[in-house]
Amino acid sequence: MGSRFSFTDEALGNLKVYDVTPGEVWEALHVARRIIRHLGDDVMVVYSTTHRGRRLAVLLAEAEGTDNDWDILSARELGESESKRYDEALRGWRR
């Protein structure tokens, strides 16, 4: 992606609510096999897996005034239906 990521204070609070660590978010954002879904011009969600296999959805918003700088807003574990869609998308991934 070539992007830079920053944790907002609000994000750190949200991570605690969902029992996700900043390290897990960092891993999820930097693995090669991740699914990126743009929710608008400046918001996206990244579906990914940590090194230990935990599946996460990470919500990001583009930082103001800077291209390819993203503020991490929140992260949570994927639900059952999201995990199934994630698996289907990865099966279509070229190796």
N, C-alpha and C. Protein backbone atom coordinates (compact mmCIF):
# COMPACT_ATOMS: atom_id res chain seq x y z
N MET A 1 0.81 -1.19 0.00
CA MET A 1 0.00 0.00 0.00
C MET A 1 0.85 1.25 0.00
N GLY A 2 2.04 1.23 0.59
CA GLY A 2 2.87 2.41 0.64
C GLY A 2 2.29 3.51 1.51
N SER A 3 1.52 3.14 2.51
CA SER A 3 0.85 4.11 3.36
C SER A 3 1.49 4.15 4.74
N ARG A 4 1.22 5.26 5.43
CA ARG A 4 1.67 5.40 6.82
C ARG A 4 0.43 5.41 7.70
N PHE A 5 0.55 4.78 8.87
CA PHE A 5 -0.58 4.62 9.77
C PHE A 5 -0.26 5.23 11.13
N SER A 6 -1.28 5.86 11.73
CA SER A 6 -1.14 6.45 13.06
C SER A 6 -2.36 6.07 13.90
N PHE A 7 -2.11 5.83 15.18
CA PHE A 7 -3.20 5.55 16.12
C PHE A 7 -3.70 6.88 16.69
N THR A 8 -5.00 7.11 16.62
CA THR A 8 -5.58 8.26 17.29
C THR A 8 -5.82 7.87 18.75
N ASP A 9 -5.97 8.87 19.61
CA ASP A 9 -6.29 8.58 21.01
C ASP A 9 -7.60 7.81 21.11
N GLU A 10 -8.57 8.21 20.28
CA GLU A 10 -9.86 7.53 20.27
C GLU A 10 -9.70 6.06 19.87
N ALA A 11 -8.82 5.81 18.89
CA ALA A 11 -8.59 4.44 18.44
C ALA A 11 -8.04 3.57 19.56
N LEU A 12 -7.10 4.11 20.32
CA LEU A 12 -6.53 3.32 21.41
C LEU A 12 -7.60 2.93 22.42
N GLY A 13 -8.54 3.83 22.67
CA GLY A 13 -9.66 3.50 23.54
C GLY A 13 -10.56 2.45 22.93
N ASN A 14 -10.82 2.57 21.61
CA ASN A 14 -11.66 1.59 20.92
C ASN A 14 -11.02 0.21 20.91
N LEU A 15 -9.71 0.16 20.77
CA LEU A 15 -9.03 -1.14 20.78
C LEU A 15 -9.24 -1.85 22.11
N LYS A 16 -9.20 -1.10 23.20
CA LYS A 16 -9.42 -1.71 24.51
C LYS A 16 -10.83 -2.28 24.62
N VAL A 17 -11.81 -1.58 24.07
CA VAL A 17 -13.20 -2.06 24.11
C VAL A 17 -13.30 -3.40 23.39
N TYR A 18 -12.62 -3.54 22.26
CA TYR A 18 -12.70 -4.77 21.45
C TYR A 18 -11.60 -5.78 21.77
N ASP A 19 -10.81 -5.50 22.81
CA ASP A 19 -9.74 -6.40 23.25
C ASP A 19 -8.77 -6.73 22.12
N VAL A 20 -8.35 -5.69 21.42
CA VAL A 20 -7.37 -5.81 20.34
C VAL A 20 -6.16 -4.97 20.73
N THR A 21 -4.96 -5.49 20.52
CA THR A 21 -3.76 -4.74 20.87
C THR A 21 -3.27 -3.93 19.67
N PRO A 22 -2.56 -2.83 19.93
CA PRO A 22 -1.96 -2.07 18.82
C PRO A 22 -1.01 -2.94 17.98
N GLY A 23 -0.32 -3.87 18.62
CA GLY A 23 0.57 -4.77 17.88
C GLY A 23 -0.18 -5.65 16.89
N GLU A 24 -1.35 -6.13 17.29
CA GLU A 24 -2.16 -6.93 16.38
C GLU A 24 -2.62 -6.10 15.18
N VAL A 25 -3.01 -4.86 15.44
CA VAL A 25 -3.43 -3.98 14.34
C VAL A 25 -2.26 -3.76 13.39
N TRP A 26 -1.09 -3.50 13.94
CA TRP A 26 0.09 -3.26 13.11
C TRP A 26 0.39 -4.48 12.23
N GLU A 27 0.32 -5.67 12.82
CA GLU A 27 0.54 -6.90 12.04
C GLU A 27 -0.49 -7.02 10.92
N ALA A 28 -1.76 -6.79 11.26
CA ALA A 28 -2.84 -6.94 10.28
C ALA A 28 -2.68 -5.98 9.11
N LEU A 29 -2.17 -4.80 9.38
CA LEU A 29 -2.00 -3.80 8.31
C LEU A 29 -0.79 -4.07 7.42
N HIS A 30 0.13 -4.90 7.89
CA HIS A 30 1.37 -5.10 7.14
C HIS A 30 1.57 -6.49 6.56
N VAL A 31 0.60 -7.39 6.70
CA VAL A 31 0.74 -8.70 6.06
C VAL A 31 0.41 -8.55 4.57
N ALA A 32 0.94 -9.44 3.78
CA ALA A 32 0.75 -9.35 2.33
C ALA A 32 -0.68 -9.70 1.91
N ARG A 33 -1.28 -10.65 2.60
CA ARG A 33 -2.62 -11.13 2.19
C ARG A 33 -3.68 -10.46 3.05
N ARG A 34 -4.14 -9.33 2.57
CA ARG A 34 -5.20 -8.59 3.26
C ARG A 34 -6.19 -8.10 2.22
N ILE A 35 -7.41 -7.89 2.66
CA ILE A 35 -8.47 -7.41 1.78
C ILE A 35 -8.77 -5.97 2.17
N ILE A 36 -8.74 -5.07 1.19
CA ILE A 36 -8.99 -3.66 1.43
C ILE A 36 -10.30 -3.29 0.77
N ARG A 37 -11.19 -2.70 1.56
CA ARG A 37 -12.49 -2.27 1.04
C ARG A 37 -12.64 -0.77 1.29
N HIS A 38 -12.73 -0.01 0.23
CA HIS A 38 -12.91 1.44 0.34
C HIS A 38 -14.39 1.73 0.61
N LEU A 39 -14.64 2.52 1.63
CA LEU A 39 -15.99 2.88 2.02
C LEU A 39 -16.33 4.30 1.59
N GLY A 40 -15.46 4.91 0.85
CA GLY A 40 -15.60 6.28 0.38
C GLY A 40 -14.22 6.78 -0.03
N ASP A 41 -14.13 8.05 -0.32
CA ASP A 41 -12.85 8.59 -0.76
C ASP A 41 -11.79 8.58 0.34
N ASP A 42 -12.22 8.70 1.57
CA ASP A 42 -11.24 8.85 2.64
C ASP A 42 -11.43 7.88 3.81
N VAL A 43 -12.19 6.81 3.61
CA VAL A 43 -12.40 5.80 4.66
C VAL A 43 -12.26 4.42 4.03
N MET A 44 -11.59 3.52 4.76
CA MET A 44 -11.48 2.14 4.29
C MET A 44 -11.41 1.20 5.47
N VAL A 45 -11.72 -0.05 5.18
CA VAL A 45 -11.59 -1.11 6.18
C VAL A 45 -10.65 -2.16 5.59
N VAL A 46 -9.77 -2.65 6.42
CA VAL A 46 -8.81 -3.68 6.03
C VAL A 46 -9.17 -4.95 6.79
N TYR A 47 -9.41 -6.03 6.04
CA TYR A 47 -9.67 -7.35 6.62
C TYR A 47 -8.37 -8.13 6.52
N SER A 48 -7.92 -8.67 7.64
CA SER A 48 -6.61 -9.29 7.64
C SER A 48 -6.49 -10.28 8.80
N THR A 49 -5.33 -10.91 8.87
CA THR A 49 -5.04 -11.89 9.91
C THR A 49 -3.72 -11.54 10.57
N THR A 50 -3.65 -11.67 11.88
CA THR A 50 -2.40 -11.44 12.60
C THR A 50 -1.50 -12.66 12.44
N HIS A 51 -0.28 -12.55 12.91
CA HIS A 51 0.67 -13.67 12.84
C HIS A 51 0.17 -14.89 13.62
N ARG A 52 -0.64 -14.66 14.63
CA ARG A 52 -1.18 -15.77 15.43
C ARG A 52 -2.52 -16.27 14.92
N GLY A 53 -2.98 -15.71 13.80
CA GLY A 53 -4.21 -16.20 13.18
C GLY A 53 -5.49 -15.50 13.58
N ARG A 54 -5.39 -14.45 14.36
CA ARG A 54 -6.59 -13.70 14.73
C ARG A 54 -7.02 -12.83 13.56
N ARG A 55 -8.27 -12.92 13.20
CA ARG A 55 -8.80 -12.19 12.05
C ARG A 55 -9.40 -10.86 12.51
N LEU A 56 -8.96 -9.78 11.87
CA LEU A 56 -9.38 -8.45 12.29
C LEU A 56 -9.94 -7.64 11.14
N ALA A 57 -10.83 -6.72 11.50
CA ALA A 57 -11.28 -5.65 10.62
C ALA A 57 -10.73 -4.36 11.22
N VAL A 58 -9.96 -3.62 10.44
CA VAL A 58 -9.35 -2.38 10.90
C VAL A 58 -9.96 -1.22 10.12
N LEU A 59 -10.55 -0.27 10.83
CA LEU A 59 -11.19 0.88 10.20
C LEU A 59 -10.21 2.05 10.17
N LEU A 60 -10.05 2.65 8.99
CA LEU A 60 -9.08 3.73 8.78
C LEU A 60 -9.74 4.92 8.11
N ALA A 61 -9.25 6.12 8.43
CA ALA A 61 -9.67 7.34 7.75
C ALA A 61 -8.42 8.08 7.30
N GLU A 62 -8.46 8.61 6.09
CA GLU A 62 -7.29 9.33 5.59
C GLU A 62 -7.05 10.57 6.43
N ALA A 63 -5.81 10.75 6.84
CA ALA A 63 -5.45 11.91 7.65
C ALA A 63 -5.63 13.18 6.82
N GLU A 64 -6.04 14.24 7.47
CA GLU A 64 -6.30 15.49 6.77
C GLU A 64 -5.02 16.07 6.19
N GLY A 65 -5.13 16.51 4.95
CA GLY A 65 -4.04 17.23 4.30
C GLY A 65 -2.88 16.40 3.80
N THR A 66 -2.93 15.09 3.94
CA THR A 66 -1.80 14.27 3.53
C THR A 66 -2.30 13.01 2.83
N ASP A 67 -1.83 12.79 1.61
CA ASP A 67 -2.19 11.56 0.91
C ASP A 67 -1.41 10.38 1.48
N ASN A 68 -2.08 9.24 1.52
CA ASN A 68 -1.51 7.98 1.97
C ASN A 68 -1.08 7.96 3.43
N ASP A 69 -1.56 8.90 4.23
CA ASP A 69 -1.42 8.84 5.68
C ASP A 69 -2.81 8.52 6.23
N TRP A 70 -2.89 7.47 7.03
CA TRP A 70 -4.18 6.99 7.52
C TRP A 70 -4.20 6.97 9.03
N ASP A 71 -5.31 7.45 9.59
CA ASP A 71 -5.55 7.37 11.03
C ASP A 71 -6.31 6.08 11.30
N ILE A 72 -5.80 5.30 12.22
CA ILE A 72 -6.49 4.08 12.64
C ILE A 72 -7.59 4.52 13.60
N LEU A 73 -8.82 4.16 13.28
CA LEU A 73 -9.97 4.56 14.10
C LEU A 73 -10.40 3.49 15.08
N SER A 74 -10.36 2.23 14.63
CA SER A 74 -10.82 1.13 15.46
C SER A 74 -10.40 -0.18 14.82
N ALA A 75 -10.48 -1.25 15.59
CA ALA A 75 -10.25 -2.60 15.08
C ALA A 75 -11.01 -3.57 15.95
N ARG A 76 -11.49 -4.63 15.32
CA ARG A 76 -12.24 -5.66 16.05
C ARG A 76 -12.05 -6.98 15.34
N GLU A 77 -12.38 -8.04 16.05
CA GLU A 77 -12.30 -9.37 15.46
C GLU A 77 -13.43 -9.54 14.44
N LEU A 78 -13.16 -10.27 13.37
CA LEU A 78 -14.18 -10.51 12.35
C LEU A 78 -15.29 -11.39 12.92
N GLY A 79 -16.50 -11.09 12.50
CA GLY A 79 -17.64 -11.94 12.83
C GLY A 79 -17.62 -13.18 11.95
N GLU A 80 -18.51 -14.11 12.24
CA GLU A 80 -18.55 -15.38 11.51
C GLU A 80 -18.78 -15.18 10.01
N SER A 81 -19.76 -14.36 9.64
CA SER A 81 -20.05 -14.16 8.22
C SER A 81 -18.90 -13.42 7.53
N GLU A 82 -18.27 -12.48 8.23
CA GLU A 82 -17.11 -11.78 7.65
C GLU A 82 -15.95 -12.74 7.44
N SER A 83 -15.74 -13.65 8.38
CA SER A 83 -14.67 -14.63 8.24
C SER A 83 -14.88 -15.52 7.03
N LYS A 84 -16.13 -15.91 6.79
CA LYS A 84 -16.43 -16.74 5.62
C LYS A 84 -16.14 -15.98 4.33
N ARG A 85 -16.55 -14.71 4.26
CA ARG A 85 -16.27 -13.90 3.07
C ARG A 85 -14.77 -13.68 2.89
N TYR A 86 -14.07 -13.50 4.00
CA TYR A 86 -12.61 -13.34 3.95
C TYR A 86 -11.96 -14.60 3.39
N ASP A 87 -12.39 -15.78 3.87
CA ASP A 87 -11.86 -17.05 3.36
C ASP A 87 -12.13 -17.19 1.86
N GLU A 88 -13.33 -16.83 1.43
CA GLU A 88 -13.68 -16.93 0.00
C GLU A 88 -12.79 -16.01 -0.83
N ALA A 89 -12.55 -14.82 -0.34
CA ALA A 89 -11.69 -13.87 -1.07
C ALA A 89 -10.26 -14.39 -1.15
N LEU A 90 -9.78 -14.99 -0.08
CA LEU A 90 -8.40 -15.51 -0.09
C LEU A 90 -8.28 -16.72 -1.01
N ARG A 91 -9.32 -17.52 -1.12
CA ARG A 91 -9.27 -18.67 -2.03
C ARG A 91 -9.10 -18.20 -3.48
N GLY A 92 -9.60 -17.03 -3.78
CA GLY A 92 -9.46 -16.46 -5.11
C GLY A 92 -8.12 -15.76 -5.33
N TRP A 93 -7.34 -15.64 -4.28
CA TRP A 93 -6.05 -14.97 -4.33
C TRP A 93 -5.07 -15.76 -5.19
N ARG A 94 -4.40 -15.09 -6.08
CA ARG A 94 -3.39 -15.78 -6.91
C ARG A 94 -2.14 -16.02 -6.08
N ARG A 95 -1.59 -17.19 -6.25
CA ARG A 95 -0.37 -17.54 -5.51
C ARG A 95 0.84 -17.39 -6.36
